[in-house]
N, C-alpha and C. Protein backbone atom coordinates (compact mmCIF):
# COMPACT_ATOMS: atom_id res chain seq x y z
N MET A 1 29.78 105.93 176.28
CA MET A 1 30.82 105.01 176.69
C MET A 1 30.34 103.58 176.44
N ARG A 2 30.91 102.92 175.52
CA ARG A 2 30.47 101.52 175.19
C ARG A 2 31.26 100.54 176.03
N HIS A 3 30.56 99.63 176.62
CA HIS A 3 31.23 98.61 177.40
C HIS A 3 31.39 97.28 176.60
N SER A 4 30.57 97.09 175.56
CA SER A 4 30.53 95.88 174.84
C SER A 4 31.79 95.62 174.04
N ARG A 5 32.48 96.76 173.61
CA ARG A 5 33.62 96.59 172.76
C ARG A 5 34.92 96.55 173.57
N ILE A 6 34.79 96.59 174.91
CA ILE A 6 35.96 96.60 175.80
C ILE A 6 36.14 95.22 176.30
N TRP A 7 37.33 94.65 176.14
CA TRP A 7 37.45 93.22 176.45
C TRP A 7 38.76 92.79 177.09
N ALA A 8 39.76 93.66 177.15
CA ALA A 8 41.05 93.20 177.63
C ALA A 8 41.49 93.99 178.90
N LEU A 9 42.14 93.32 179.79
CA LEU A 9 42.73 93.97 180.93
C LEU A 9 44.22 93.76 180.95
N VAL A 10 44.94 94.81 181.12
CA VAL A 10 46.39 94.72 181.13
C VAL A 10 46.89 95.59 182.30
N GLN A 11 48.04 95.16 182.91
CA GLN A 11 48.61 95.94 183.96
C GLN A 11 49.91 96.63 183.46
N PHE A 12 50.10 97.88 183.72
CA PHE A 12 51.29 98.62 183.35
C PHE A 12 51.75 99.41 184.61
N LYS A 13 53.05 99.66 184.65
CA LYS A 13 53.57 100.60 185.66
C LYS A 13 53.64 101.97 185.00
N ILE A 14 53.00 102.93 185.62
CA ILE A 14 53.05 104.26 185.07
C ILE A 14 53.50 105.31 186.07
N PHE A 15 53.10 105.22 187.28
CA PHE A 15 53.42 106.20 188.30
C PHE A 15 54.51 105.69 189.26
N PRO A 16 55.53 106.42 189.51
CA PRO A 16 56.57 105.86 190.41
C PRO A 16 56.05 105.77 191.84
N THR A 17 55.02 106.46 192.18
CA THR A 17 54.57 106.33 193.60
C THR A 17 53.56 105.20 193.83
N THR A 18 53.13 104.59 192.76
CA THR A 18 52.21 103.46 192.89
C THR A 18 52.81 102.20 192.24
N SER A 19 52.36 101.08 192.72
CA SER A 19 52.97 99.84 192.19
C SER A 19 52.39 99.46 190.81
N LYS A 20 51.10 99.48 190.69
CA LYS A 20 50.48 99.02 189.44
C LYS A 20 49.37 99.96 189.04
N ALA A 21 49.26 100.15 187.78
CA ALA A 21 48.09 100.80 187.24
C ALA A 21 47.37 99.81 186.35
N VAL A 22 46.04 99.79 186.44
CA VAL A 22 45.26 98.84 185.68
C VAL A 22 44.37 99.59 184.68
N TYR A 23 44.48 99.13 183.45
CA TYR A 23 43.70 99.76 182.37
C TYR A 23 42.67 98.82 181.84
N LEU A 24 41.55 99.35 181.46
CA LEU A 24 40.56 98.64 180.64
C LEU A 24 40.75 99.08 179.23
N LEU A 25 40.90 98.16 178.31
CA LEU A 25 41.26 98.47 176.93
C LEU A 25 40.13 98.20 175.99
N ASP A 26 40.06 98.94 174.85
CA ASP A 26 39.08 98.58 173.86
C ASP A 26 39.65 97.60 172.86
N HIS A 27 38.97 97.33 171.79
CA HIS A 27 39.36 96.28 170.80
C HIS A 27 40.60 96.64 170.07
N ASN A 28 41.05 97.82 170.07
CA ASN A 28 42.31 98.17 169.42
C ASN A 28 43.41 98.36 170.50
N PHE A 29 43.20 97.78 171.64
CA PHE A 29 44.18 97.86 172.76
C PHE A 29 44.51 99.23 173.14
N LYS A 30 43.55 100.18 172.95
CA LYS A 30 43.69 101.53 173.43
C LYS A 30 43.17 101.59 174.88
N ALA A 31 43.89 102.34 175.69
CA ALA A 31 43.42 102.53 177.08
C ALA A 31 42.18 103.37 177.09
N VAL A 32 41.16 102.89 177.67
CA VAL A 32 39.86 103.57 177.74
C VAL A 32 39.62 104.10 179.17
N TYR A 33 39.84 103.21 180.13
CA TYR A 33 39.58 103.52 181.52
C TYR A 33 40.84 103.26 182.40
N LEU A 34 41.13 104.09 183.36
CA LEU A 34 42.11 103.79 184.36
C LEU A 34 41.30 103.32 185.59
N LEU A 35 41.66 102.14 186.11
CA LEU A 35 40.95 101.55 187.20
C LEU A 35 41.70 101.63 188.56
N ASP A 36 40.96 101.66 189.59
CA ASP A 36 41.58 101.56 190.94
C ASP A 36 41.79 100.10 191.26
N HIS A 37 42.32 99.88 192.53
CA HIS A 37 42.65 98.52 192.95
C HIS A 37 41.51 97.56 193.11
N ASN A 38 40.29 98.10 193.13
CA ASN A 38 39.09 97.33 193.17
C ASN A 38 38.48 97.13 191.84
N PHE A 39 39.27 97.41 190.74
CA PHE A 39 38.80 97.30 189.37
C PHE A 39 37.60 98.19 189.10
N LYS A 40 37.52 99.32 189.79
CA LYS A 40 36.50 100.31 189.55
C LYS A 40 37.06 101.32 188.52
N ALA A 41 36.28 101.76 187.58
CA ALA A 41 36.77 102.77 186.65
C ALA A 41 36.77 104.10 187.33
N VAL A 42 37.96 104.71 187.31
CA VAL A 42 38.14 105.99 188.02
C VAL A 42 38.27 107.11 186.99
N TYR A 43 39.00 106.87 185.92
CA TYR A 43 39.20 107.91 184.92
C TYR A 43 38.85 107.37 183.56
N LEU A 44 38.19 108.20 182.74
CA LEU A 44 38.04 107.93 181.33
C LEU A 44 39.19 108.60 180.60
N LEU A 45 39.90 107.87 179.76
CA LEU A 45 41.10 108.38 179.11
C LEU A 45 40.89 108.66 177.64
N ASP A 46 41.67 109.62 177.12
CA ASP A 46 41.67 109.84 175.67
C ASP A 46 42.72 108.91 175.03
N HIS A 47 42.96 109.02 173.70
CA HIS A 47 43.83 108.17 172.98
C HIS A 47 45.31 108.35 173.33
N ASN A 48 45.61 109.38 174.08
CA ASN A 48 47.00 109.62 174.51
C ASN A 48 47.20 109.27 175.99
N PHE A 49 46.32 108.45 176.53
CA PHE A 49 46.40 108.02 177.94
C PHE A 49 46.26 109.18 178.87
N LYS A 50 45.66 110.21 178.45
CA LYS A 50 45.42 111.40 179.29
C LYS A 50 44.08 111.21 179.98
N ALA A 51 44.00 111.49 181.28
CA ALA A 51 42.70 111.44 181.97
C ALA A 51 41.84 112.65 181.53
N VAL A 52 40.70 112.34 180.99
CA VAL A 52 39.76 113.34 180.49
C VAL A 52 38.63 113.57 181.48
N TYR A 53 38.08 112.49 182.01
CA TYR A 53 36.96 112.56 182.90
C TYR A 53 37.28 111.77 184.16
N LEU A 54 36.86 112.34 185.27
CA LEU A 54 36.81 111.63 186.54
C LEU A 54 35.42 111.03 186.66
N LEU A 55 35.33 109.76 187.00
CA LEU A 55 34.07 109.00 187.01
C LEU A 55 33.61 108.67 188.42
N ASP A 56 32.33 108.60 188.58
CA ASP A 56 31.83 108.06 189.84
C ASP A 56 31.64 106.54 189.75
N HIS A 57 31.10 105.94 190.78
CA HIS A 57 31.05 104.46 190.82
C HIS A 57 30.13 103.83 189.79
N ASN A 58 29.27 104.64 189.18
CA ASN A 58 28.41 104.14 188.13
C ASN A 58 28.89 104.42 186.69
N PHE A 59 30.20 104.70 186.58
CA PHE A 59 30.80 104.99 185.29
C PHE A 59 30.29 106.29 184.71
N LYS A 60 29.75 107.16 185.51
CA LYS A 60 29.27 108.45 185.07
C LYS A 60 30.41 109.45 185.16
N ALA A 61 30.52 110.30 184.14
CA ALA A 61 31.54 111.35 184.22
C ALA A 61 31.06 112.40 185.15
N VAL A 62 31.89 112.72 186.15
CA VAL A 62 31.51 113.66 187.16
C VAL A 62 32.29 114.97 186.90
N TYR A 63 33.56 114.85 186.64
CA TYR A 63 34.39 116.04 186.42
C TYR A 63 35.07 115.92 185.04
N LEU A 64 35.21 117.01 184.32
CA LEU A 64 36.07 117.18 183.17
C LEU A 64 37.39 117.71 183.66
N LEU A 65 38.54 117.03 183.27
CA LEU A 65 39.84 117.38 183.82
C LEU A 65 40.64 118.08 182.72
N ASP A 66 41.60 118.84 183.26
CA ASP A 66 42.66 119.39 182.36
C ASP A 66 43.83 118.45 182.31
N HIS A 67 44.88 118.88 181.66
CA HIS A 67 46.05 117.99 181.39
C HIS A 67 46.83 117.73 182.69
N ASN A 68 46.53 118.43 183.74
CA ASN A 68 47.25 118.20 185.04
C ASN A 68 46.33 117.43 186.01
N PHE A 69 45.31 116.76 185.50
CA PHE A 69 44.41 115.97 186.35
C PHE A 69 43.59 116.84 187.24
N LYS A 70 43.52 118.15 186.97
CA LYS A 70 42.69 119.02 187.74
C LYS A 70 41.27 119.09 187.27
N ALA A 71 40.33 119.05 188.11
CA ALA A 71 38.93 119.18 187.70
C ALA A 71 38.62 120.62 187.25
N VAL A 72 38.18 120.73 186.04
CA VAL A 72 37.87 122.01 185.46
C VAL A 72 36.37 122.32 185.44
N TYR A 73 35.58 121.30 185.14
CA TYR A 73 34.14 121.44 185.05
C TYR A 73 33.48 120.34 185.85
N LEU A 74 32.43 120.66 186.57
CA LEU A 74 31.54 119.67 187.13
C LEU A 74 30.44 119.42 186.13
N LEU A 75 30.18 118.17 185.86
CA LEU A 75 29.22 117.79 184.82
C LEU A 75 27.94 117.19 185.38
N ASP A 76 26.88 117.37 184.63
CA ASP A 76 25.63 116.67 184.92
C ASP A 76 25.60 115.33 184.24
N HIS A 77 24.50 114.61 184.36
CA HIS A 77 24.40 113.22 183.85
C HIS A 77 24.43 113.13 182.31
N ASN A 78 24.28 114.26 181.64
CA ASN A 78 24.37 114.34 180.19
C ASN A 78 25.67 114.82 179.65
N PHE A 79 26.70 114.79 180.49
CA PHE A 79 28.05 115.26 180.13
C PHE A 79 28.08 116.82 179.88
N LYS A 80 27.01 117.48 180.34
CA LYS A 80 26.99 118.95 180.25
C LYS A 80 27.74 119.61 181.40
N ALA A 81 28.55 120.62 181.06
CA ALA A 81 29.24 121.29 182.16
C ALA A 81 28.25 122.19 182.90
N VAL A 82 28.18 121.97 184.19
CA VAL A 82 27.24 122.69 185.06
C VAL A 82 28.00 123.79 185.82
N TYR A 83 29.15 123.50 186.34
CA TYR A 83 29.96 124.47 187.06
C TYR A 83 31.34 124.52 186.52
N LEU A 84 31.89 125.72 186.37
CA LEU A 84 33.28 125.92 186.17
C LEU A 84 33.97 126.00 187.50
N LEU A 85 35.02 125.25 187.72
CA LEU A 85 35.65 125.17 189.02
C LEU A 85 37.01 125.85 189.04
N ASP A 86 37.39 126.29 190.22
CA ASP A 86 38.78 126.73 190.43
C ASP A 86 39.65 125.61 190.88
N HIS A 87 40.91 125.85 191.28
CA HIS A 87 41.86 124.81 191.55
C HIS A 87 41.57 124.12 192.90
N ASN A 88 40.67 124.66 193.72
CA ASN A 88 40.28 124.04 194.96
C ASN A 88 38.95 123.35 194.88
N PHE A 89 38.54 123.04 193.65
CA PHE A 89 37.22 122.34 193.38
C PHE A 89 36.06 123.21 193.80
N LYS A 90 36.25 124.54 193.94
CA LYS A 90 35.18 125.47 194.28
C LYS A 90 34.50 125.88 192.96
N ALA A 91 33.15 125.95 193.02
CA ALA A 91 32.42 126.40 191.84
C ALA A 91 32.63 127.93 191.67
N VAL A 92 33.11 128.31 190.54
CA VAL A 92 33.33 129.70 190.24
C VAL A 92 32.17 130.27 189.48
N TYR A 93 31.70 129.53 188.50
CA TYR A 93 30.57 130.01 187.64
C TYR A 93 29.57 128.89 187.51
N LEU A 94 28.31 129.23 187.61
CA LEU A 94 27.22 128.39 187.20
C LEU A 94 26.91 128.67 185.74
N LEU A 95 27.05 127.61 184.95
CA LEU A 95 26.91 127.78 183.51
C LEU A 95 25.48 127.57 183.02
N ASP A 96 25.06 128.31 182.03
CA ASP A 96 23.73 128.10 181.43
C ASP A 96 23.85 127.00 180.37
N SER A 97 22.72 126.63 179.79
CA SER A 97 22.67 125.53 178.84
C SER A 97 23.34 125.88 177.56
N GLY A 98 23.67 127.14 177.27
CA GLY A 98 24.28 127.50 176.04
C GLY A 98 25.81 127.42 176.05
N GLN A 99 26.45 127.11 177.19
CA GLN A 99 27.88 127.02 177.21
C GLN A 99 28.40 125.66 177.26
């Protein structure tokens, strides 16, 4: 995740239940991060504005998400999937390094 190439902040309305969504954009005005109201990066987004990773307060990817914003994998600090999760965030499988 490069921070040096990210330089613009724009506000959009996206969710009917919230007033504002704040995005951090890269140099091509692509949404890279969805931020909370304290300008903390909460989600890392793909090029279709889909949330791909849920991030902790240090911009580390903690969960890999599916298209419904559900956490599918719990990740370690190297973006490796450590646990496969069910829909209640319960660990179903402990994954080895080969998966």
